[in-house]
Amino acid sequence: MRDDRVYLRHIVESVDIVQRYLAGPDGGLDERTFRQDLRTQDAVLRRMETLADAASHLSDTLKVRHVGIAWRQLGDFRSILAHGYSEIRLELVWQAIVDDLPLLRAAAAAELEDDADHDPA
């Protein structure tokens, strides 16, 4: 688990940053800003690429504990973001932001909390 901690922290931090980038005036996620603002898209896509990369480095033991997360698709998503710019579909990215990022963040935070509860130091 110790090796996973750095990646888990990066995932939590990255999801939080994406949510800050997309925070609307009412506190919810602002899809309109995401779709219309190229800078916001670039920032979000870059952060999602790096968090997907971090997720790819997590141990299989950890991934097995969270079967509700589509780990393989997350890796595929990273590859598309890194190499397939013409293949990026913003509606699918938005769906991942709304549906998948909260689950990923919750799993990463739970792992960090669980590890802290069992850390003898």
N, C-alpha and C. Protein backbone atom coordinates (compact mmCIF):
# COMPACT_ATOMS: atom_id res chain seq x y z
N MET A 1 0.82 -1.20 0.00
CA MET A 1 0.00 0.00 0.00
C MET A 1 0.86 1.26 0.00
N ARG A 2 1.99 1.23 0.63
CA ARG A 2 2.83 2.43 0.71
C ARG A 2 3.13 2.98 -0.69
N ASP A 3 3.42 2.11 -1.65
CA ASP A 3 3.72 2.58 -3.00
C ASP A 3 2.49 3.21 -3.66
N ASP A 4 1.32 2.74 -3.30
CA ASP A 4 0.09 3.27 -3.88
C ASP A 4 -0.26 4.66 -3.35
N ARG A 5 0.19 5.00 -2.17
CA ARG A 5 -0.23 6.25 -1.52
C ARG A 5 0.05 7.48 -2.38
N VAL A 6 1.19 7.56 -2.99
CA VAL A 6 1.52 8.74 -3.79
C VAL A 6 0.55 8.88 -4.96
N TYR A 7 0.18 7.76 -5.57
CA TYR A 7 -0.76 7.78 -6.69
C TYR A 7 -2.17 8.11 -6.21
N LEU A 8 -2.55 7.56 -5.07
CA LEU A 8 -3.87 7.85 -4.52
C LEU A 8 -4.01 9.33 -4.17
N ARG A 9 -2.98 9.88 -3.57
CA ARG A 9 -3.02 11.32 -3.26
C ARG A 9 -3.15 12.15 -4.53
N HIS A 10 -2.42 11.76 -5.55
CA HIS A 10 -2.49 12.50 -6.82
C HIS A 10 -3.90 12.41 -7.42
N ILE A 11 -4.52 11.26 -7.32
CA ILE A 11 -5.89 11.10 -7.84
C ILE A 11 -6.85 12.02 -7.09
N VAL A 12 -6.80 11.99 -5.78
CA VAL A 12 -7.70 12.84 -4.98
C VAL A 12 -7.47 14.31 -5.32
N GLU A 13 -6.21 14.71 -5.34
CA GLU A 13 -5.90 16.10 -5.65
C GLU A 13 -6.38 16.48 -7.05
N SER A 14 -6.17 15.61 -8.02
CA SER A 14 -6.56 15.91 -9.40
C SER A 14 -8.06 16.03 -9.55
N VAL A 15 -8.81 15.15 -8.93
CA VAL A 15 -10.27 15.24 -9.01
C VAL A 15 -10.74 16.55 -8.37
N ASP A 16 -10.14 16.89 -7.24
CA ASP A 16 -10.52 18.15 -6.58
C ASP A 16 -10.23 19.35 -7.48
N ILE A 17 -9.11 19.32 -8.17
CA ILE A 17 -8.75 20.42 -9.06
C ILE A 17 -9.71 20.50 -10.24
N VAL A 18 -10.05 19.36 -10.83
CA VAL A 18 -11.02 19.35 -11.93
C VAL A 18 -12.33 19.96 -11.45
N GLN A 19 -12.76 19.57 -10.28
CA GLN A 19 -14.01 20.11 -9.76
C GLN A 19 -13.92 21.63 -9.53
N ARG A 20 -12.77 22.10 -9.08
CA ARG A 20 -12.59 23.55 -8.93
C ARG A 20 -12.60 24.25 -10.28
N TYR A 21 -11.95 23.66 -11.28
CA TYR A 21 -11.96 24.24 -12.62
C TYR A 21 -13.38 24.41 -13.15
N LEU A 22 -14.23 23.47 -12.78
CA LEU A 22 -15.58 23.42 -13.36
C LEU A 22 -16.67 23.92 -12.41
N ALA A 23 -16.28 24.52 -11.31
CA ALA A 23 -17.26 24.98 -10.34
C ALA A 23 -18.11 26.10 -10.94
N GLY A 24 -19.40 25.89 -10.90
CA GLY A 24 -20.32 26.91 -11.39
C GLY A 24 -20.70 27.87 -10.28
N PRO A 25 -21.44 28.89 -10.61
CA PRO A 25 -21.83 29.89 -9.62
C PRO A 25 -22.68 29.32 -8.48
N ASP A 26 -23.37 28.22 -8.75
CA ASP A 26 -24.21 27.60 -7.72
C ASP A 26 -23.47 26.52 -6.94
N GLY A 27 -22.18 26.34 -7.24
CA GLY A 27 -21.38 25.33 -6.56
C GLY A 27 -21.35 23.99 -7.26
N GLY A 28 -22.25 23.78 -8.21
CA GLY A 28 -22.26 22.54 -8.97
C GLY A 28 -21.30 22.61 -10.14
N LEU A 29 -21.19 21.53 -10.87
CA LEU A 29 -20.32 21.50 -12.04
C LEU A 29 -20.96 22.26 -13.19
N ASP A 30 -20.17 23.02 -13.89
CA ASP A 30 -20.66 23.90 -14.96
C ASP A 30 -20.28 23.32 -16.32
N GLU A 31 -21.20 22.57 -16.90
CA GLU A 31 -20.95 21.94 -18.20
C GLU A 31 -20.78 22.99 -19.30
N ARG A 32 -21.51 24.05 -19.21
CA ARG A 32 -21.43 25.09 -20.24
C ARG A 32 -20.01 25.65 -20.34
N THR A 33 -19.40 25.97 -19.20
CA THR A 33 -18.02 26.47 -19.21
C THR A 33 -17.10 25.44 -19.83
N PHE A 34 -17.29 24.18 -19.47
CA PHE A 34 -16.44 23.13 -20.02
C PHE A 34 -16.56 23.06 -21.54
N ARG A 35 -17.76 23.11 -22.05
CA ARG A 35 -17.97 22.98 -23.49
C ARG A 35 -17.54 24.22 -24.28
N GLN A 36 -17.60 25.39 -23.67
CA GLN A 36 -17.35 26.62 -24.41
C GLN A 36 -15.97 27.23 -24.21
N ASP A 37 -15.30 26.87 -23.13
CA ASP A 37 -14.03 27.52 -22.82
C ASP A 37 -12.86 26.56 -23.11
N LEU A 38 -12.12 26.87 -24.15
CA LEU A 38 -11.01 26.02 -24.57
C LEU A 38 -9.96 25.87 -23.48
N ARG A 39 -9.69 26.92 -22.74
CA ARG A 39 -8.69 26.83 -21.65
C ARG A 39 -9.15 25.86 -20.57
N THR A 40 -10.42 25.94 -20.23
CA THR A 40 -10.94 25.01 -19.23
C THR A 40 -10.87 23.58 -19.74
N GLN A 41 -11.22 23.37 -21.00
CA GLN A 41 -11.11 22.03 -21.58
C GLN A 41 -9.68 21.53 -21.49
N ASP A 42 -8.73 22.35 -21.92
CA ASP A 42 -7.33 21.94 -21.90
C ASP A 42 -6.87 21.60 -20.48
N ALA A 43 -7.24 22.44 -19.53
CA ALA A 43 -6.84 22.21 -18.14
C ALA A 43 -7.44 20.92 -17.59
N VAL A 44 -8.72 20.73 -17.84
CA VAL A 44 -9.41 19.54 -17.35
C VAL A 44 -8.85 18.28 -18.02
N LEU A 45 -8.70 18.32 -19.32
CA LEU A 45 -8.19 17.14 -20.04
C LEU A 45 -6.78 16.78 -19.60
N ARG A 46 -5.96 17.77 -19.38
CA ARG A 46 -4.59 17.49 -18.91
C ARG A 46 -4.61 16.87 -17.52
N ARG A 47 -5.43 17.41 -16.64
CA ARG A 47 -5.52 16.87 -15.28
C ARG A 47 -6.09 15.46 -15.30
N MET A 48 -7.06 15.22 -16.16
CA MET A 48 -7.63 13.87 -16.25
C MET A 48 -6.62 12.88 -16.81
N GLU A 49 -5.81 13.34 -17.74
CA GLU A 49 -4.76 12.48 -18.29
C GLU A 49 -3.79 12.06 -17.19
N THR A 50 -3.37 13.00 -16.37
CA THR A 50 -2.39 12.65 -15.34
C THR A 50 -3.01 11.81 -14.23
N LEU A 51 -4.28 12.05 -13.91
CA LEU A 51 -4.89 11.21 -12.88
C LEU A 51 -5.12 9.80 -13.40
N ALA A 52 -5.45 9.66 -14.67
CA ALA A 52 -5.61 8.32 -15.25
C ALA A 52 -4.26 7.60 -15.29
N ASP A 53 -3.20 8.35 -15.54
CA ASP A 53 -1.87 7.77 -15.50
C ASP A 53 -1.53 7.29 -14.09
N ALA A 54 -1.83 8.10 -13.10
CA ALA A 54 -1.60 7.70 -11.71
C ALA A 54 -2.37 6.43 -11.38
N ALA A 55 -3.62 6.36 -11.83
CA ALA A 55 -4.44 5.17 -11.57
C ALA A 55 -3.83 3.92 -12.21
N SER A 56 -3.17 4.09 -13.34
CA SER A 56 -2.57 2.93 -14.01
C SER A 56 -1.41 2.34 -13.21
N HIS A 57 -0.87 3.11 -12.29
CA HIS A 57 0.26 2.64 -11.48
C HIS A 57 -0.17 2.00 -10.17
N LEU A 58 -1.46 2.03 -9.88
CA LEU A 58 -1.94 1.41 -8.65
C LEU A 58 -1.78 -0.11 -8.71
N SER A 59 -1.57 -0.70 -7.57
CA SER A 59 -1.37 -2.15 -7.51
C SER A 59 -2.66 -2.89 -7.87
N ASP A 60 -2.49 -4.08 -8.41
CA ASP A 60 -3.65 -4.93 -8.72
C ASP A 60 -4.41 -5.28 -7.45
N THR A 61 -3.70 -5.44 -6.34
CA THR A 61 -4.35 -5.75 -5.07
C THR A 61 -5.34 -4.67 -4.69
N LEU A 62 -4.95 -3.42 -4.87
CA LEU A 62 -5.85 -2.30 -4.58
C LEU A 62 -7.02 -2.29 -5.56
N LYS A 63 -6.73 -2.46 -6.82
CA LYS A 63 -7.79 -2.40 -7.83
C LYS A 63 -8.86 -3.47 -7.61
N VAL A 64 -8.47 -4.63 -7.15
CA VAL A 64 -9.41 -5.71 -6.90
C VAL A 64 -10.41 -5.34 -5.80
N ARG A 65 -9.97 -4.50 -4.88
CA ARG A 65 -10.87 -4.08 -3.80
C ARG A 65 -11.94 -3.10 -4.29
N HIS A 66 -11.79 -2.59 -5.50
CA HIS A 66 -12.74 -1.60 -6.02
C HIS A 66 -13.22 -2.02 -7.40
N VAL A 67 -14.00 -3.07 -7.42
CA VAL A 67 -14.46 -3.64 -8.68
C VAL A 67 -15.44 -2.73 -9.42
N GLY A 68 -16.01 -1.75 -8.73
CA GLY A 68 -16.95 -0.83 -9.37
C GLY A 68 -16.28 0.21 -10.24
N ILE A 69 -14.97 0.26 -10.20
CA ILE A 69 -14.24 1.21 -11.03
C ILE A 69 -13.72 0.49 -12.26
N ALA A 70 -13.94 1.07 -13.41
CA ALA A 70 -13.52 0.47 -14.68
C ALA A 70 -12.06 0.81 -14.94
N TRP A 71 -11.17 0.07 -14.30
CA TRP A 71 -9.74 0.37 -14.35
C TRP A 71 -9.20 0.31 -15.77
N ARG A 72 -9.59 -0.69 -16.51
CA ARG A 72 -9.07 -0.82 -17.88
C ARG A 72 -9.53 0.35 -18.75
N GLN A 73 -10.79 0.70 -18.64
CA GLN A 73 -11.31 1.82 -19.42
C GLN A 73 -10.61 3.13 -19.03
N LEU A 74 -10.26 3.24 -17.77
CA LEU A 74 -9.53 4.42 -17.31
C LEU A 74 -8.17 4.50 -18.00
N GLY A 75 -7.50 3.37 -18.13
CA GLY A 75 -6.23 3.34 -18.85
C GLY A 75 -6.40 3.65 -20.33
N ASP A 76 -7.46 3.12 -20.92
CA ASP A 76 -7.74 3.41 -22.33
C ASP A 76 -8.04 4.90 -22.51
N PHE A 77 -8.77 5.47 -21.57
CA PHE A 77 -9.11 6.88 -21.59
C PHE A 77 -7.84 7.73 -21.57
N ARG A 78 -6.89 7.33 -20.74
CA ARG A 78 -5.62 8.04 -20.65
C ARG A 78 -4.90 8.02 -21.99
N SER A 79 -4.91 6.88 -22.64
CA SER A 79 -4.23 6.76 -23.93
C SER A 79 -4.87 7.67 -24.97
N ILE A 80 -6.19 7.73 -24.97
CA ILE A 80 -6.88 8.61 -25.92
C ILE A 80 -6.54 10.06 -25.63
N LEU A 81 -6.54 10.44 -24.34
CA LEU A 81 -6.22 11.82 -23.99
C LEU A 81 -4.79 12.17 -24.37
N ALA A 82 -3.88 11.22 -24.20
CA ALA A 82 -2.47 11.50 -24.46
C ALA A 82 -2.12 11.44 -25.94
N HIS A 83 -2.81 10.59 -26.70
CA HIS A 83 -2.37 10.34 -28.07
C HIS A 83 -3.43 10.52 -29.15
N GLY A 84 -4.68 10.56 -28.75
CA GLY A 84 -5.74 10.57 -29.76
C GLY A 84 -6.59 11.81 -29.72
N TYR A 85 -5.95 12.94 -29.85
CA TYR A 85 -6.68 14.21 -29.72
C TYR A 85 -7.91 14.28 -30.62
N SER A 86 -7.82 13.74 -31.80
CA SER A 86 -8.95 13.81 -32.71
C SER A 86 -10.09 12.88 -32.28
N GLU A 87 -9.79 11.96 -31.36
CA GLU A 87 -10.79 11.00 -30.91
C GLU A 87 -11.52 11.44 -29.65
N ILE A 88 -11.12 12.56 -29.06
CA ILE A 88 -11.73 13.00 -27.81
C ILE A 88 -13.14 13.50 -28.07
N ARG A 89 -14.08 12.91 -27.36
CA ARG A 89 -15.48 13.32 -27.47
C ARG A 89 -15.87 13.98 -26.15
N LEU A 90 -16.13 15.26 -26.22
CA LEU A 90 -16.38 16.03 -25.00
C LEU A 90 -17.57 15.52 -24.21
N GLU A 91 -18.57 14.99 -24.89
CA GLU A 91 -19.73 14.48 -24.16
C GLU A 91 -19.35 13.28 -23.30
N LEU A 92 -18.41 12.45 -23.78
CA LEU A 92 -17.95 11.31 -22.99
C LEU A 92 -17.05 11.75 -21.85
N VAL A 93 -16.25 12.77 -22.11
CA VAL A 93 -15.41 13.33 -21.04
C VAL A 93 -16.30 13.88 -19.95
N TRP A 94 -17.32 14.64 -20.34
CA TRP A 94 -18.23 15.20 -19.34
C TRP A 94 -18.91 14.10 -18.54
N GLN A 95 -19.33 13.05 -19.22
CA GLN A 95 -19.96 11.92 -18.53
C GLN A 95 -18.99 11.31 -17.51
N ALA A 96 -17.73 11.18 -17.88
CA ALA A 96 -16.72 10.65 -16.95
C ALA A 96 -16.54 11.59 -15.75
N ILE A 97 -16.55 12.89 -16.02
CA ILE A 97 -16.41 13.87 -14.94
C ILE A 97 -17.55 13.71 -13.93
N VAL A 98 -18.75 13.60 -14.43
CA VAL A 98 -19.93 13.55 -13.57
C VAL A 98 -20.11 12.18 -12.91
N ASP A 99 -19.91 11.11 -13.68
CA ASP A 99 -20.22 9.76 -13.18
C ASP A 99 -19.03 9.04 -12.55
N ASP A 100 -17.86 9.17 -13.15
CA ASP A 100 -16.74 8.34 -12.75
C ASP A 100 -15.77 8.99 -11.77
N LEU A 101 -15.52 10.28 -11.94
CA LEU A 101 -14.54 10.92 -11.06
C LEU A 101 -14.94 10.88 -9.58
N PRO A 102 -16.21 11.11 -9.24
CA PRO A 102 -16.56 11.01 -7.82
C PRO A 102 -16.31 9.61 -7.24
N LEU A 103 -16.60 8.58 -8.02
CA LEU A 103 -16.35 7.20 -7.54
C LEU A 103 -14.86 6.95 -7.37
N LEU A 104 -14.08 7.40 -8.32
CA LEU A 104 -12.63 7.22 -8.25
C LEU A 104 -12.06 7.96 -7.05
N ARG A 105 -12.51 9.20 -6.85
CA ARG A 105 -12.02 9.98 -5.72
C ARG A 105 -12.40 9.32 -4.40
N ALA A 106 -13.63 8.85 -4.30
CA ALA A 106 -14.09 8.20 -3.07
C ALA A 106 -13.27 6.95 -2.76
N ALA A 107 -12.97 6.16 -3.79
CA ALA A 107 -12.17 4.95 -3.58
C ALA A 107 -10.75 5.31 -3.14
N ALA A 108 -10.16 6.31 -3.79
CA ALA A 108 -8.81 6.72 -3.43
C ALA A 108 -8.77 7.28 -2.01
N ALA A 109 -9.74 8.11 -1.67
CA ALA A 109 -9.78 8.68 -0.32
C ALA A 109 -9.99 7.59 0.74
N ALA A 110 -10.84 6.62 0.44
CA ALA A 110 -11.08 5.52 1.38
C ALA A 110 -9.81 4.70 1.60
N GLU A 111 -9.08 4.46 0.53
CA GLU A 111 -7.82 3.72 0.66
C GLU A 111 -6.82 4.49 1.52
N LEU A 112 -6.73 5.78 1.29
CA LEU A 112 -5.81 6.61 2.08
C LEU A 112 -6.22 6.63 3.55
N GLU A 113 -7.51 6.75 3.79
CA GLU A 113 -8.01 6.76 5.17
C GLU A 113 -7.78 5.42 5.84
N ASP A 114 -8.07 4.34 5.12
CA ASP A 114 -7.87 3.00 5.67
C ASP A 114 -6.40 2.76 5.99
N ASP A 115 -5.52 3.19 5.11
CA ASP A 115 -4.09 3.02 5.35
C ASP A 115 -3.64 3.84 6.55
N ALA A 116 -4.19 5.04 6.70
CA ALA A 116 -3.81 5.89 7.84
C ALA A 116 -4.29 5.24 9.15
N ASP A 117 -5.45 4.58 9.10
CA ASP A 117 -5.97 3.91 10.30
C ASP A 117 -5.11 2.73 10.73
N HIS A 118 -4.40 2.14 9.77
CA HIS A 118 -3.58 0.95 10.06
C HIS A 118 -2.09 1.27 10.10
N ASP A 119 -1.72 2.51 9.96
CA ASP A 119 -0.30 2.90 9.95
C ASP A 119 0.22 2.94 11.37
N PRO A 120 1.22 2.11 11.69
CA PRO A 120 1.74 2.07 13.04
C PRO A 120 2.60 3.30 13.40
N ALA A 121 2.95 4.10 12.40
CA ALA A 121 3.84 5.24 12.69
C ALA A 121 3.13 6.39 13.34
